[in-house]
């Protein structure tokens, strides 16, 4: 069983690498104004609250009034296997990290794609619901290993230069794809694949309005580059579970900003 999964991961990595470089070449030849961007544990508890029942006893009332409030439970953004693991240039994972529970995502895709099992069923439901509403999506990229990220980054540096390459989510050890919780999504037709123009399509607009309901957040929003360090990526969504996704969506903040504020609060 382990050998079979390992073989799938190796095959997935090889196919994704080939597809990534092919898409990179096509996009580069089509546009000069917008270079190709990145190619591709437990659920946090809800906030706890306590309220004392009215009491006829003055002693009981005084005790209730002076009792310390139950502290809010913050999400685990540090443990590598946490659904809310915050990963960026300042908070990388080790080169040897491979997420547990990787499995093939049985959704529309050009190649075999692997994801953490926790993200697969929500992704399947989201894509099915989108299709029922006339929006056809496909999974472009899921899990990517540290080794593949090294290859991609080297390719982009050679092609676009270090400064521009650093704006892509391709940093070895700091890419969400290594967590197995990130998905690059696009039109089933491949129109504007991995390009900012994807944002003008109904598929992108549907995702922005609905993805959070399934536990996925737009990880690199248009106004967030100064915080995340990654360029606007309307195709890149991160699974963090429905409770946390709703909180971040409602806050209008990036993942970095939300958890920094939560910790400070």
Protein backbone atom coordinates (compact mmCIF):
# COMPACT_ATOMS: atom_id res chain seq x y z
CA UNK A 1 0.00 0.00 0.00
CA UNK A 2 2.83 2.39 0.96
CA UNK A 3 4.72 1.50 -2.22
CA UNK A 4 1.60 2.19 -4.28
CA UNK A 5 1.11 5.64 -2.68
CA UNK A 6 4.80 6.44 -3.06
CA UNK A 7 4.62 5.50 -6.74
CA UNK A 8 1.59 7.77 -7.20
CA UNK A 9 3.36 10.69 -5.53
CA UNK A 10 6.44 10.21 -7.74
CA UNK A 11 4.28 9.96 -10.87
CA UNK A 12 2.27 13.00 -9.79
CA UNK A 13 5.44 15.04 -9.23
CA UNK A 14 6.87 14.12 -12.62
CA UNK A 15 3.62 14.90 -14.46
CA UNK A 16 3.09 18.19 -12.64
CA UNK A 17 6.66 19.27 -13.37
CA UNK A 18 6.22 18.60 -17.07
CA UNK A 19 2.85 20.35 -17.18
CA UNK A 20 4.12 23.34 -15.22
CA UNK A 21 7.01 23.97 -17.56
CA UNK A 22 4.78 23.52 -20.62
CA UNK A 23 2.24 26.05 -19.32
CA UNK A 24 5.07 28.41 -18.40
CA UNK A 25 6.37 28.38 -21.97
CA UNK A 26 2.89 29.00 -23.44
CA UNK A 27 2.08 31.89 -21.11
CA UNK A 28 5.46 33.53 -21.63
CA UNK A 29 4.97 33.46 -25.39
CA UNK A 30 1.50 34.98 -25.09
CA UNK A 31 2.12 37.90 -22.79
CA UNK A 32 4.89 40.24 -21.80
CA UNK A 33 2.87 42.47 -19.49
CA UNK A 34 1.99 39.78 -16.97
CA UNK A 35 4.66 37.12 -16.35
CA UNK A 36 3.59 33.65 -15.34
CA UNK A 37 2.92 33.32 -11.64
CA UNK A 38 3.37 30.20 -9.60
CA UNK A 39 2.49 26.90 -11.13
CA UNK A 40 1.79 24.65 -10.05
CA UNK A 41 -4.30 19.05 12.76
CA UNK A 42 -7.12 19.18 13.83
CA UNK A 43 -9.82 21.70 12.99
CA UNK A 44 -9.36 24.81 15.16
CA UNK A 45 -11.98 24.99 17.92
CA UNK A 46 -14.67 27.66 17.94
CA UNK A 47 -14.35 30.51 20.37
CA UNK A 48 -15.50 29.44 23.83
CA UNK A 49 -17.80 31.59 25.90
CA UNK A 50 -19.30 31.30 29.37
CA UNK A 51 -22.41 32.91 30.78
CA UNK A 52 -23.60 32.46 34.37
CA UNK A 53 -27.22 31.63 35.09
CA UNK A 54 -29.04 34.21 37.26
CA UNK A 55 -28.92 33.21 40.91
CA UNK A 56 -30.88 34.26 43.99
CA UNK A 57 -27.75 33.84 46.06
CA UNK A 58 -25.63 37.05 46.44
CA UNK A 59 -22.54 34.89 47.05
CA UNK A 60 -23.08 32.93 43.86
CA UNK A 61 -23.70 36.13 41.90
CA UNK A 62 -20.51 37.70 43.18
CA UNK A 63 -18.51 34.61 42.30
CA UNK A 64 -19.96 34.60 38.79
CA UNK A 65 -19.17 38.28 38.35
CA UNK A 66 -15.53 37.86 39.35
CA UNK A 67 -14.88 34.57 37.52
CA UNK A 68 -12.19 34.83 34.86
CA UNK A 69 -13.57 34.59 31.31
CA UNK A 70 -12.81 31.46 29.33
CA UNK A 71 -9.94 32.33 26.97
CA UNK A 72 -10.47 32.08 23.24
CA UNK A 73 -8.83 29.10 21.58
CA UNK A 74 -6.54 30.29 18.82
CA UNK A 75 -5.77 28.22 15.73
CA UNK A 76 -2.59 26.18 15.56
CA UNK A 77 -0.55 27.99 12.91
CA UNK A 78 2.76 26.38 13.90
CA UNK A 79 2.44 22.58 13.75
CA UNK A 80 3.29 21.32 10.28
CA UNK A 81 0.26 19.00 10.07
CA UNK A 82 -2.22 21.61 11.29
CA UNK A 83 -4.84 22.68 8.77
CA UNK A 84 -4.03 26.26 9.73
CA UNK A 85 -0.24 25.99 9.44
CA UNK A 86 0.97 29.43 8.36
CA UNK A 87 3.67 29.00 5.76
CA UNK A 88 5.64 31.78 4.08
CA UNK A 89 9.24 32.98 3.78
CA UNK A 90 9.32 33.73 7.51
CA UNK A 91 7.64 30.48 8.53
CA UNK A 92 8.94 27.66 6.28
CA UNK A 93 8.72 23.90 6.68
CA UNK A 94 11.69 21.56 6.53
CA UNK A 95 12.87 20.30 3.15
CA UNK A 96 12.10 16.76 4.27
CA UNK A 97 8.49 17.49 5.18
CA UNK A 98 5.90 15.39 3.38
CA UNK A 99 2.31 15.72 4.67
CA UNK A 100 0.61 12.65 6.07
CA UNK A 101 -2.56 11.36 4.45
CA UNK A 102 -1.78 12.29 0.86
CA UNK A 103 -4.22 10.77 -1.61
CA UNK A 104 -5.25 11.20 -5.22
CA UNK A 105 -7.88 13.89 -5.70
CA UNK A 106 -10.63 12.43 -7.87
CA UNK A 107 -11.70 15.64 -9.59
CA UNK A 108 -11.42 17.15 -13.07
CA UNK A 109 -7.73 17.65 -13.81
CA UNK A 110 -5.28 17.23 -16.65
CA UNK A 111 -2.99 15.05 -14.53
CA UNK A 112 -2.95 13.02 -11.34
CA UNK A 113 -3.02 15.43 -8.39
CA UNK A 114 -2.45 14.60 -4.72
CA UNK A 115 -3.88 16.42 -1.68
CA UNK A 116 -4.28 15.91 2.04
CA UNK A 117 -7.34 13.72 2.56
CA UNK A 118 -9.03 16.42 4.66
CA UNK A 119 -9.20 18.72 1.63
CA UNK A 120 -10.37 16.23 -0.99
CA UNK A 121 -14.05 15.77 -0.08
CA UNK A 122 -14.64 19.55 0.35
CA UNK A 123 -12.94 20.19 -2.99
CA UNK A 124 -15.05 17.54 -4.71
CA UNK A 125 -18.24 19.01 -3.26
CA UNK A 126 -17.23 22.56 -4.19
CA UNK A 127 -16.44 21.65 -7.78
CA UNK A 128 -19.65 19.62 -8.09
CA UNK A 129 -21.76 22.48 -6.74
CA UNK A 130 -20.05 24.94 -9.06
CA UNK A 131 -20.75 22.70 -12.04
CA UNK A 132 -24.42 22.41 -11.02
CA UNK A 133 -24.52 26.21 -11.19
CA UNK A 134 -22.96 26.30 -14.65
CA UNK A 135 -19.34 26.84 -13.63
CA UNK A 136 -16.84 24.22 -14.80
CA UNK A 137 -13.60 24.12 -12.82
CA UNK A 138 -10.49 22.00 -12.95
CA UNK A 139 -7.67 21.34 -10.50
CA UNK A 140 -4.43 22.54 -12.05
CA UNK A 141 -2.04 21.81 -9.21
CA UNK A 142 -2.21 20.29 -5.73
CA UNK A 143 0.63 18.85 -3.66
CA UNK A 144 4.14 19.72 -4.80
CA UNK A 145 7.27 18.40 -3.16
CA UNK A 146 10.22 20.47 -1.95
CA UNK A 147 12.31 19.06 -4.80
CA UNK A 148 9.77 20.17 -7.40
CA UNK A 149 9.61 23.63 -5.83
CA UNK A 150 13.41 23.94 -6.16
CA UNK A 151 13.15 23.06 -9.85
CA UNK A 152 10.32 25.53 -10.45
CA UNK A 153 12.02 28.38 -8.63
CA UNK A 154 15.27 27.86 -10.52
CA UNK A 155 13.34 27.91 -13.79
CA UNK A 156 11.55 31.14 -12.91
CA UNK A 157 14.70 32.86 -11.71
CA UNK A 158 16.44 32.00 -14.97
CA UNK A 159 13.44 33.16 -16.98
CA UNK A 160 12.22 36.25 -15.09
CA UNK A 161 15.00 37.17 -12.66
CA UNK A 162 15.10 36.77 -8.89
CA UNK A 163 12.98 39.83 -8.05
CA UNK A 164 10.00 38.72 -10.14
CA UNK A 165 10.38 35.03 -9.27
CA UNK A 166 10.18 35.88 -5.57
CA UNK A 167 6.64 37.14 -6.12
CA UNK A 168 5.45 33.64 -7.07
CA UNK A 169 4.34 30.96 -4.63
CA UNK A 170 7.24 28.72 -5.61
CA UNK A 171 9.61 29.15 -2.67
CA UNK A 172 11.09 25.81 -1.61
CA UNK A 173 9.97 25.13 1.95
CA UNK A 174 7.69 28.17 1.93
CA UNK A 175 5.13 27.14 -0.67
CA UNK A 176 1.67 26.14 0.48
CA UNK A 177 1.68 23.38 -2.09
CA UNK A 178 4.18 21.45 0.04
CA UNK A 179 1.53 21.27 2.78
CA UNK A 180 -0.86 19.38 0.48
CA UNK A 181 -3.59 21.90 1.37
CA UNK A 182 -3.26 24.36 -1.52
CA UNK A 183 -5.05 24.10 -4.85
CA UNK A 184 -4.58 26.01 -8.06
CA UNK A 185 -7.95 26.12 -9.79
CA UNK A 186 -8.99 27.32 -13.21
CA UNK A 187 -11.48 27.14 -16.04
CA UNK A 188 -12.06 23.63 -17.33
CA UNK A 189 -11.33 25.13 -20.76
CA UNK A 190 -7.87 26.29 -19.54
CA UNK A 191 -8.68 29.89 -20.46
CA UNK A 192 -6.35 32.33 -18.64
CA UNK A 193 -4.80 29.45 -16.74
CA UNK A 194 -2.58 30.65 -13.90
CA UNK A 195 -2.90 34.24 -15.07
CA UNK A 196 -4.44 37.30 -13.44
CA UNK A 197 -6.97 37.53 -16.28
CA UNK A 198 -8.64 34.46 -14.71
CA UNK A 199 -10.22 36.94 -12.28
CA UNK A 200 -12.47 38.26 -15.05
CA UNK A 201 -14.14 34.87 -15.59
CA UNK A 202 -17.32 33.62 -13.89
CA UNK A 203 -15.31 30.71 -12.43
CA UNK A 204 -13.07 33.07 -10.47
CA UNK A 205 -16.00 35.19 -9.35
CA UNK A 206 -17.87 32.07 -8.18
CA UNK A 207 -14.86 30.94 -6.18
CA UNK A 208 -14.44 34.32 -4.51
CA UNK A 209 -18.07 34.28 -3.44
CA UNK A 210 -18.34 30.64 -2.41
CA UNK A 211 -15.02 28.90 -1.75
CA UNK A 212 -14.95 29.89 1.95
CA UNK A 213 -18.19 27.95 2.51
CA UNK A 214 -16.23 24.78 1.73
CA UNK A 215 -13.21 25.69 3.85
CA UNK A 216 -11.05 27.32 1.16
CA UNK A 217 -9.76 30.90 1.25
CA UNK A 218 -8.29 33.06 -1.49
CA UNK A 219 -4.77 33.00 -0.09
CA UNK A 220 -3.15 35.80 -2.10
CA UNK A 221 -5.75 38.54 -2.67
CA UNK A 222 -5.22 41.55 -4.89
CA UNK A 223 -4.59 43.92 -2.00
CA UNK A 224 -2.41 41.57 0.02
CA UNK A 225 0.98 41.43 -1.67
CA UNK A 226 2.57 43.91 0.74
CA UNK A 227 1.70 41.49 3.56
CA UNK A 228 2.02 38.05 1.97
CA UNK A 229 4.94 38.84 -0.33
CA UNK A 230 3.14 36.94 -3.10
CA UNK A 231 1.51 38.55 -6.11
CA UNK A 232 -2.26 38.49 -6.66
CA UNK A 233 -3.15 34.90 -7.48
CA UNK A 234 -6.90 34.52 -8.16
CA UNK A 235 -6.41 30.81 -8.87
CA UNK A 236 -4.73 29.90 -5.57
CA UNK A 237 -6.93 28.67 -2.71
CA UNK A 238 -5.93 27.22 0.64
CA UNK A 239 -7.94 24.74 2.67
CA UNK A 240 -8.16 25.58 6.39
CA UNK A 241 -11.57 24.14 7.31
CA UNK A 242 -14.99 25.80 7.25
CA UNK A 243 -14.86 27.50 10.66
CA UNK A 244 -11.56 29.28 10.11
CA UNK A 245 -12.34 30.03 6.47
CA UNK A 246 -15.55 31.80 7.51
CA UNK A 247 -13.68 33.90 10.06
CA UNK A 248 -10.97 35.00 7.64
CA UNK A 249 -13.46 35.62 4.84
CA UNK A 250 -15.61 37.80 7.10
CA UNK A 251 -12.56 39.70 8.39
CA UNK A 252 -11.38 40.72 4.93
CA UNK A 253 -7.80 40.09 6.09
CA UNK A 254 -5.01 37.91 4.78
CA UNK A 255 -4.11 34.79 6.73
CA UNK A 256 -1.03 36.56 8.11
CA UNK A 257 -3.03 39.59 9.27
CA UNK A 258 -5.89 37.60 10.75
CA UNK A 259 -3.79 35.32 12.92
CA UNK A 260 -1.50 38.15 13.97
CA UNK A 261 -4.54 40.12 15.14
CA UNK A 262 -6.02 37.05 16.84
CA UNK A 263 -2.78 36.44 18.74
CA UNK A 264 -2.47 40.10 19.73
CA UNK A 265 -6.07 40.19 20.87
